[in-house]
Amino acid sequence: MIKESFCSEDTFEFGRKLGEAAEPGEVYALTGDLGTGKTVFAQGFAAGLGIAEPVNSPTFTILKIYEQGRLPLYHFDVYRIEDPDEMYEVGYEEYFGGDGVALVEWAELMDELMPDDAIKISITKDPGRGDDYRLISCDKE
């Protein structure tokens, strides 16, 4: 599935639709350069799960858990992890495939730990199409 986003609201809305369709145990591997809108996508995804509290990247804590939606959201940001073994310290295994949904920003940095059935989402810029343009690809039907 490919989605063109012309503003942050489009990115948020696409995330919301995926959050509404999310099922327990799913892992979403979110990739994209700095400033592409991964956090905006995550905020929309959380809204789709019915999470009303503010959502931001857990860059310094690695994991934030939101439990007040229709499913728990396990929001990872692995940008600052230098070694995949650090994910074991966080206990990531109990959140992947659990009763909630895991969303991993910067998933390409932990590719070897992502489950084979992880849903891959990539957000890319195309400066030739404007500063706000994003191309979002998702391998979930």
N, C-alpha and C. Protein backbone atom coordinates (compact mmCIF):
# COMPACT_ATOMS: atom_id res chain seq x y z
N MET A 1 0.86 -1.16 0.00
CA MET A 1 0.00 0.00 0.00
C MET A 1 0.91 1.23 0.00
N ILE A 2 0.60 2.17 -0.86
CA ILE A 2 1.35 3.42 -0.97
C ILE A 2 0.41 4.58 -0.69
N LYS A 3 0.86 5.53 0.11
CA LYS A 3 0.07 6.72 0.43
C LYS A 3 0.94 7.94 0.20
N GLU A 4 0.41 8.91 -0.52
CA GLU A 4 1.09 10.19 -0.66
C GLU A 4 0.56 11.12 0.42
N SER A 5 1.46 11.80 1.09
CA SER A 5 1.11 12.75 2.13
C SER A 5 1.60 14.13 1.70
N PHE A 6 0.70 15.08 1.72
CA PHE A 6 1.05 16.44 1.31
C PHE A 6 1.17 17.39 2.50
N CYS A 7 0.86 16.88 3.71
CA CYS A 7 0.96 17.69 4.92
C CYS A 7 0.98 16.74 6.12
N SER A 8 1.32 17.26 7.27
CA SER A 8 1.39 16.41 8.47
C SER A 8 0.03 15.81 8.81
N GLU A 9 -1.04 16.51 8.47
CA GLU A 9 -2.39 15.98 8.75
C GLU A 9 -2.63 14.69 7.95
N ASP A 10 -2.13 14.63 6.72
CA ASP A 10 -2.26 13.41 5.91
C ASP A 10 -1.51 12.25 6.55
N THR A 11 -0.30 12.54 7.03
CA THR A 11 0.51 11.50 7.68
C THR A 11 -0.18 11.01 8.94
N PHE A 12 -0.70 11.94 9.74
CA PHE A 12 -1.43 11.60 10.96
C PHE A 12 -2.63 10.72 10.61
N GLU A 13 -3.38 11.11 9.60
CA GLU A 13 -4.60 10.39 9.22
C GLU A 13 -4.30 8.97 8.75
N PHE A 14 -3.23 8.80 7.99
CA PHE A 14 -2.86 7.46 7.55
C PHE A 14 -2.49 6.60 8.76
N GLY A 15 -1.74 7.18 9.69
CA GLY A 15 -1.41 6.46 10.93
C GLY A 15 -2.67 6.09 11.70
N ARG A 16 -3.63 7.01 11.77
CA ARG A 16 -4.88 6.74 12.48
C ARG A 16 -5.63 5.56 11.88
N LYS A 17 -5.70 5.52 10.56
CA LYS A 17 -6.41 4.42 9.89
C LYS A 17 -5.73 3.08 10.18
N LEU A 18 -4.41 3.05 10.18
CA LEU A 18 -3.71 1.81 10.51
C LEU A 18 -3.92 1.43 11.97
N GLY A 19 -3.94 2.43 12.85
CA GLY A 19 -4.20 2.15 14.27
C GLY A 19 -5.60 1.58 14.48
N GLU A 20 -6.56 2.08 13.74
CA GLU A 20 -7.93 1.55 13.86
C GLU A 20 -8.00 0.09 13.43
N ALA A 21 -7.16 -0.31 12.49
CA ALA A 21 -7.18 -1.68 11.97
C ALA A 21 -6.19 -2.60 12.68
N ALA A 22 -5.39 -2.06 13.59
CA ALA A 22 -4.36 -2.86 14.27
C ALA A 22 -4.97 -3.98 15.10
N GLU A 23 -4.24 -5.07 15.16
CA GLU A 23 -4.68 -6.24 15.91
C GLU A 23 -3.64 -6.61 16.96
N PRO A 24 -4.09 -7.27 18.04
CA PRO A 24 -3.15 -7.66 19.09
C PRO A 24 -1.99 -8.50 18.53
N GLY A 25 -0.81 -8.23 19.04
CA GLY A 25 0.37 -8.99 18.67
C GLY A 25 1.13 -8.45 17.48
N GLU A 26 0.57 -7.48 16.77
CA GLU A 26 1.25 -6.95 15.60
C GLU A 26 2.44 -6.08 16.01
N VAL A 27 3.46 -6.11 15.16
CA VAL A 27 4.64 -5.27 15.33
C VAL A 27 4.77 -4.44 14.05
N TYR A 28 4.84 -3.12 14.22
CA TYR A 28 5.00 -2.20 13.11
C TYR A 28 6.42 -1.65 13.14
N ALA A 29 7.16 -1.88 12.07
CA ALA A 29 8.54 -1.44 11.93
C ALA A 29 8.55 -0.17 11.09
N LEU A 30 8.74 0.97 11.75
CA LEU A 30 8.64 2.28 11.11
C LEU A 30 10.04 2.82 10.80
N THR A 31 10.25 3.16 9.52
CA THR A 31 11.56 3.67 9.11
C THR A 31 11.39 4.99 8.37
N GLY A 32 12.46 5.78 8.37
CA GLY A 32 12.48 7.05 7.67
C GLY A 32 13.55 7.94 8.27
N ASP A 33 14.07 8.83 7.46
CA ASP A 33 15.10 9.74 7.92
C ASP A 33 14.56 10.69 9.00
N LEU A 34 15.47 11.37 9.66
CA LEU A 34 15.12 12.38 10.65
C LEU A 34 14.22 13.43 10.00
N GLY A 35 13.11 13.75 10.64
CA GLY A 35 12.23 14.79 10.15
C GLY A 35 11.24 14.37 9.07
N THR A 36 11.07 13.06 8.88
CA THR A 36 10.13 12.63 7.85
C THR A 36 8.70 12.53 8.35
N GLY A 37 8.51 12.52 9.66
CA GLY A 37 7.15 12.45 10.18
C GLY A 37 6.81 11.16 10.91
N LYS A 38 7.83 10.43 11.36
CA LYS A 38 7.57 9.18 12.07
C LYS A 38 6.75 9.41 13.34
N THR A 39 7.06 10.47 14.07
CA THR A 39 6.33 10.74 15.31
C THR A 39 4.90 11.19 15.00
N VAL A 40 4.71 11.97 13.97
CA VAL A 40 3.35 12.36 13.57
C VAL A 40 2.55 11.12 13.21
N PHE A 41 3.16 10.21 12.46
CA PHE A 41 2.52 8.94 12.13
C PHE A 41 2.14 8.20 13.41
N ALA A 42 3.10 8.10 14.36
CA ALA A 42 2.85 7.40 15.62
C ALA A 42 1.70 8.04 16.40
N GLN A 43 1.62 9.36 16.38
CA GLN A 43 0.52 10.05 17.06
C GLN A 43 -0.82 9.68 16.43
N GLY A 44 -0.87 9.62 15.11
CA GLY A 44 -2.09 9.20 14.44
C GLY A 44 -2.43 7.76 14.73
N PHE A 45 -1.42 6.91 14.74
CA PHE A 45 -1.61 5.49 15.04
C PHE A 45 -2.22 5.33 16.44
N ALA A 46 -1.67 6.07 17.40
CA ALA A 46 -2.19 6.02 18.77
C ALA A 46 -3.64 6.51 18.81
N ALA A 47 -3.95 7.57 18.08
CA ALA A 47 -5.32 8.07 18.04
C ALA A 47 -6.26 7.00 17.48
N GLY A 48 -5.80 6.26 16.49
CA GLY A 48 -6.60 5.18 15.93
C GLY A 48 -6.86 4.06 16.91
N LEU A 49 -5.99 3.91 17.89
CA LEU A 49 -6.19 2.93 18.96
C LEU A 49 -7.07 3.49 20.08
N GLY A 50 -7.43 4.76 19.98
CA GLY A 50 -8.25 5.39 21.01
C GLY A 50 -7.46 5.97 22.16
N ILE A 51 -6.18 6.22 21.94
CA ILE A 51 -5.32 6.80 22.98
C ILE A 51 -5.42 8.31 22.90
N ALA A 52 -5.86 8.92 23.99
CA ALA A 52 -6.09 10.37 23.99
C ALA A 52 -4.92 11.17 24.55
N GLU A 53 -4.06 10.54 25.33
CA GLU A 53 -2.96 11.30 25.93
C GLU A 53 -1.92 11.67 24.89
N PRO A 54 -1.13 12.72 25.15
CA PRO A 54 -0.10 13.13 24.19
C PRO A 54 0.91 12.01 23.94
N VAL A 55 1.28 11.84 22.69
CA VAL A 55 2.25 10.82 22.29
C VAL A 55 3.45 11.53 21.69
N ASN A 56 4.64 11.22 22.21
CA ASN A 56 5.86 11.75 21.63
C ASN A 56 6.89 10.64 21.58
N SER A 57 7.96 10.86 20.87
CA SER A 57 8.97 9.82 20.73
C SER A 57 9.68 9.58 22.05
N PRO A 58 9.77 8.31 22.42
CA PRO A 58 10.47 7.97 23.66
C PRO A 58 11.97 7.86 23.46
N THR A 59 12.58 8.84 22.80
CA THR A 59 13.98 8.78 22.39
C THR A 59 14.91 8.47 23.56
N PHE A 60 14.69 9.06 24.71
CA PHE A 60 15.62 8.87 25.82
C PHE A 60 15.20 7.74 26.75
N THR A 61 13.95 7.29 26.65
CA THR A 61 13.50 6.19 27.49
C THR A 61 13.38 4.88 26.71
N ILE A 62 13.48 4.93 25.41
CA ILE A 62 13.38 3.82 24.46
C ILE A 62 11.96 3.29 24.32
N LEU A 63 11.21 3.18 25.42
CA LEU A 63 9.87 2.60 25.36
C LEU A 63 8.89 3.41 26.19
N LYS A 64 7.74 3.70 25.60
CA LYS A 64 6.62 4.29 26.33
C LYS A 64 5.42 3.38 26.12
N ILE A 65 4.70 3.14 27.18
CA ILE A 65 3.54 2.26 27.12
C ILE A 65 2.29 3.09 27.35
N TYR A 66 1.34 2.93 26.44
CA TYR A 66 0.04 3.60 26.53
C TYR A 66 -1.02 2.51 26.64
N GLU A 67 -1.77 2.52 27.73
CA GLU A 67 -2.69 1.42 27.98
C GLU A 67 -4.16 1.80 27.95
N GLN A 68 -4.49 3.05 27.72
CA GLN A 68 -5.89 3.44 27.83
C GLN A 68 -6.68 3.33 26.54
N GLY A 69 -6.09 2.82 25.45
CA GLY A 69 -6.81 2.64 24.19
C GLY A 69 -7.47 1.28 24.12
N ARG A 70 -8.01 0.95 22.96
CA ARG A 70 -8.67 -0.36 22.80
C ARG A 70 -7.67 -1.50 22.85
N LEU A 71 -6.39 -1.19 22.54
CA LEU A 71 -5.27 -2.11 22.70
C LEU A 71 -4.11 -1.33 23.31
N PRO A 72 -3.28 -1.97 24.12
CA PRO A 72 -2.08 -1.27 24.59
C PRO A 72 -1.15 -0.97 23.42
N LEU A 73 -0.48 0.17 23.48
CA LEU A 73 0.52 0.54 22.49
C LEU A 73 1.87 0.56 23.16
N TYR A 74 2.81 -0.20 22.59
CA TYR A 74 4.19 -0.24 23.06
C TYR A 74 5.01 0.53 22.02
N HIS A 75 5.34 1.77 22.34
CA HIS A 75 5.98 2.68 21.40
C HIS A 75 7.47 2.73 21.69
N PHE A 76 8.25 2.17 20.79
CA PHE A 76 9.70 2.14 20.90
C PHE A 76 10.32 3.20 20.00
N ASP A 77 11.41 3.81 20.46
CA ASP A 77 12.25 4.65 19.62
C ASP A 77 13.67 4.18 19.88
N VAL A 78 14.25 3.50 18.89
CA VAL A 78 15.55 2.86 19.11
C VAL A 78 16.71 3.67 18.51
N TYR A 79 16.47 4.94 18.22
CA TYR A 79 17.48 5.79 17.61
C TYR A 79 18.79 5.82 18.40
N ARG A 80 18.70 5.86 19.71
CA ARG A 80 19.90 6.02 20.55
C ARG A 80 20.51 4.69 21.00
N ILE A 81 19.94 3.58 20.57
CA ILE A 81 20.51 2.29 20.94
C ILE A 81 21.73 2.01 20.06
N GLU A 82 22.82 1.67 20.70
CA GLU A 82 24.06 1.42 19.96
C GLU A 82 24.29 -0.05 19.67
N ASP A 83 23.65 -0.92 20.44
CA ASP A 83 23.84 -2.35 20.28
C ASP A 83 22.48 -3.03 20.45
N PRO A 84 22.11 -3.91 19.56
CA PRO A 84 20.82 -4.59 19.69
C PRO A 84 20.61 -5.29 21.02
N ASP A 85 21.71 -5.66 21.70
CA ASP A 85 21.58 -6.31 23.01
C ASP A 85 20.89 -5.41 24.03
N GLU A 86 20.94 -4.09 23.82
CA GLU A 86 20.26 -3.17 24.73
C GLU A 86 18.75 -3.38 24.71
N MET A 87 18.23 -3.90 23.62
CA MET A 87 16.79 -4.17 23.54
C MET A 87 16.39 -5.28 24.52
N TYR A 88 17.30 -6.20 24.77
CA TYR A 88 17.00 -7.26 25.74
C TYR A 88 16.84 -6.67 27.14
N GLU A 89 17.64 -5.64 27.44
CA GLU A 89 17.54 -4.97 28.75
C GLU A 89 16.18 -4.30 28.93
N VAL A 90 15.60 -3.83 27.83
CA VAL A 90 14.28 -3.19 27.87
C VAL A 90 13.19 -4.26 27.99
N GLY A 91 13.53 -5.50 27.64
CA GLY A 91 12.54 -6.57 27.68
C GLY A 91 11.60 -6.55 26.49
N TYR A 92 12.14 -6.16 25.34
CA TYR A 92 11.30 -5.99 24.15
C TYR A 92 10.51 -7.24 23.80
N GLU A 93 11.05 -8.41 24.10
CA GLU A 93 10.42 -9.67 23.69
C GLU A 93 9.01 -9.83 24.27
N GLU A 94 8.78 -9.28 25.46
CA GLU A 94 7.45 -9.43 26.06
C GLU A 94 6.42 -8.52 25.39
N TYR A 95 6.88 -7.54 24.61
CA TYR A 95 5.96 -6.61 23.94
C TYR A 95 5.71 -6.99 22.48
N PHE A 96 6.63 -7.72 21.88
CA PHE A 96 6.45 -8.17 20.50
C PHE A 96 5.57 -9.41 20.52
N GLY A 97 4.43 -9.37 19.85
CA GLY A 97 3.55 -10.53 19.80
C GLY A 97 2.67 -10.67 21.03
N GLY A 98 2.63 -9.65 21.89
CA GLY A 98 1.82 -9.71 23.11
C GLY A 98 0.38 -9.33 22.85
N ASP A 99 -0.29 -8.87 23.89
CA ASP A 99 -1.71 -8.53 23.78
C ASP A 99 -1.94 -7.11 23.27
N GLY A 100 -0.87 -6.38 23.04
CA GLY A 100 -0.98 -5.03 22.50
C GLY A 100 -0.33 -4.96 21.13
N VAL A 101 0.00 -3.75 20.72
CA VAL A 101 0.63 -3.49 19.42
C VAL A 101 1.96 -2.78 19.68
N ALA A 102 3.01 -3.25 19.03
CA ALA A 102 4.33 -2.60 19.15
C ALA A 102 4.58 -1.76 17.89
N LEU A 103 4.99 -0.52 18.12
CA LEU A 103 5.37 0.38 17.04
C LEU A 103 6.81 0.80 17.31
N VAL A 104 7.71 0.48 16.37
CA VAL A 104 9.14 0.71 16.57
C VAL A 104 9.64 1.75 15.58
N GLU A 105 9.98 2.95 16.08
CA GLU A 105 10.59 3.98 15.24
C GLU A 105 12.08 3.66 15.09
N TRP A 106 12.62 3.92 13.90
CA TRP A 106 14.00 3.63 13.56
C TRP A 106 14.25 2.12 13.55
N ALA A 107 13.27 1.36 13.13
CA ALA A 107 13.34 -0.10 13.16
C ALA A 107 14.51 -0.66 12.35
N GLU A 108 14.96 0.08 11.35
CA GLU A 108 16.07 -0.41 10.52
C GLU A 108 17.35 -0.59 11.35
N LEU A 109 17.45 0.08 12.50
CA LEU A 109 18.62 -0.05 13.36
C LEU A 109 18.60 -1.35 14.15
N MET A 110 17.45 -1.99 14.22
CA MET A 110 17.28 -3.24 14.97
C MET A 110 16.70 -4.32 14.07
N ASP A 111 17.03 -4.24 12.81
CA ASP A 111 16.43 -5.13 11.82
C ASP A 111 16.51 -6.60 12.21
N GLU A 112 17.63 -7.01 12.78
CA GLU A 112 17.80 -8.42 13.14
C GLU A 112 16.87 -8.87 14.27
N LEU A 113 16.29 -7.92 15.01
CA LEU A 113 15.37 -8.27 16.09
C LEU A 113 13.90 -8.18 15.69
N MET A 114 13.65 -7.61 14.52
CA MET A 114 12.26 -7.48 14.07
C MET A 114 11.73 -8.84 13.65
N PRO A 115 10.52 -9.18 14.08
CA PRO A 115 9.95 -10.47 13.64
C PRO A 115 9.74 -10.49 12.13
N ASP A 116 9.77 -11.69 11.57
CA ASP A 116 9.59 -11.83 10.12
C ASP A 116 8.25 -11.27 9.64
N ASP A 117 7.25 -11.34 10.50
CA ASP A 117 5.92 -10.86 10.09
C ASP A 117 5.65 -9.41 10.50
N ALA A 118 6.70 -8.68 10.89
CA ALA A 118 6.52 -7.26 11.22
C ALA A 118 5.98 -6.51 10.01
N ILE A 119 5.10 -5.58 10.26
CA ILE A 119 4.52 -4.76 9.21
C ILE A 119 5.46 -3.58 8.98
N LYS A 120 6.00 -3.50 7.80
CA LYS A 120 7.01 -2.49 7.48
C LYS A 120 6.36 -1.24 6.92
N ILE A 121 6.71 -0.10 7.51
CA ILE A 121 6.22 1.19 7.05
C ILE A 121 7.44 2.08 6.83
N SER A 122 7.51 2.67 5.66
CA SER A 122 8.62 3.55 5.32
C SER A 122 8.07 4.92 4.93
N ILE A 123 8.67 5.97 5.49
CA ILE A 123 8.28 7.34 5.15
C ILE A 123 9.49 8.03 4.53
N THR A 124 9.33 8.54 3.32
CA THR A 124 10.43 9.20 2.64
C THR A 124 9.99 10.57 2.14
N LYS A 125 10.97 11.47 2.08
CA LYS A 125 10.75 12.81 1.53
C LYS A 125 11.10 12.80 0.05
N ASP A 126 10.53 13.74 -0.67
CA ASP A 126 10.91 13.99 -2.06
C ASP A 126 10.94 15.51 -2.21
N PRO A 127 12.10 16.14 -1.98
CA PRO A 127 12.18 17.60 -2.02
C PRO A 127 11.66 18.21 -3.32
N GLY A 128 11.73 17.46 -4.40
CA GLY A 128 11.23 17.96 -5.66
C GLY A 128 9.72 18.13 -5.69
N ARG A 129 9.04 17.49 -4.74
CA ARG A 129 7.58 17.58 -4.65
C ARG A 129 7.14 18.56 -3.57
N GLY A 130 8.07 19.20 -2.90
CA GLY A 130 7.74 20.18 -1.87
C GLY A 130 8.23 19.73 -0.50
N ASP A 131 8.38 20.70 0.40
CA ASP A 131 8.91 20.43 1.74
C ASP A 131 8.01 19.51 2.57
N ASP A 132 6.72 19.56 2.33
CA ASP A 132 5.78 18.78 3.14
C ASP A 132 5.42 17.43 2.54
N TYR A 133 5.87 17.16 1.34
CA TYR A 133 5.50 15.92 0.66
C TYR A 133 6.22 14.72 1.29
N ARG A 134 5.46 13.64 1.52
CA ARG A 134 6.01 12.38 2.00
C ARG A 134 5.38 11.25 1.20
N LEU A 135 6.16 10.23 0.94
CA LEU A 135 5.65 9.00 0.35
C LEU A 135 5.72 7.95 1.45
N ILE A 136 4.57 7.37 1.77
CA ILE A 136 4.49 6.39 2.84
C ILE A 136 4.15 5.05 2.21
N SER A 137 5.00 4.06 2.43
CA SER A 137 4.71 2.73 1.94
C SER A 137 4.50 1.80 3.14
N CYS A 138 3.54 0.91 2.98
CA CYS A 138 3.18 -0.02 4.06
C CYS A 138 2.89 -1.36 3.43
N ASP A 139 3.45 -2.42 4.01
CA ASP A 139 3.21 -3.73 3.42
C ASP A 139 1.99 -4.45 4.01
N LYS A 140 1.16 -3.72 4.77
CA LYS A 140 -0.09 -4.31 5.28
C LYS A 140 -1.19 -4.03 4.26
N GLU A 141 -1.94 -5.04 3.96
CA GLU A 141 -3.05 -4.91 2.99
C GLU A 141 -4.16 -4.06 3.56
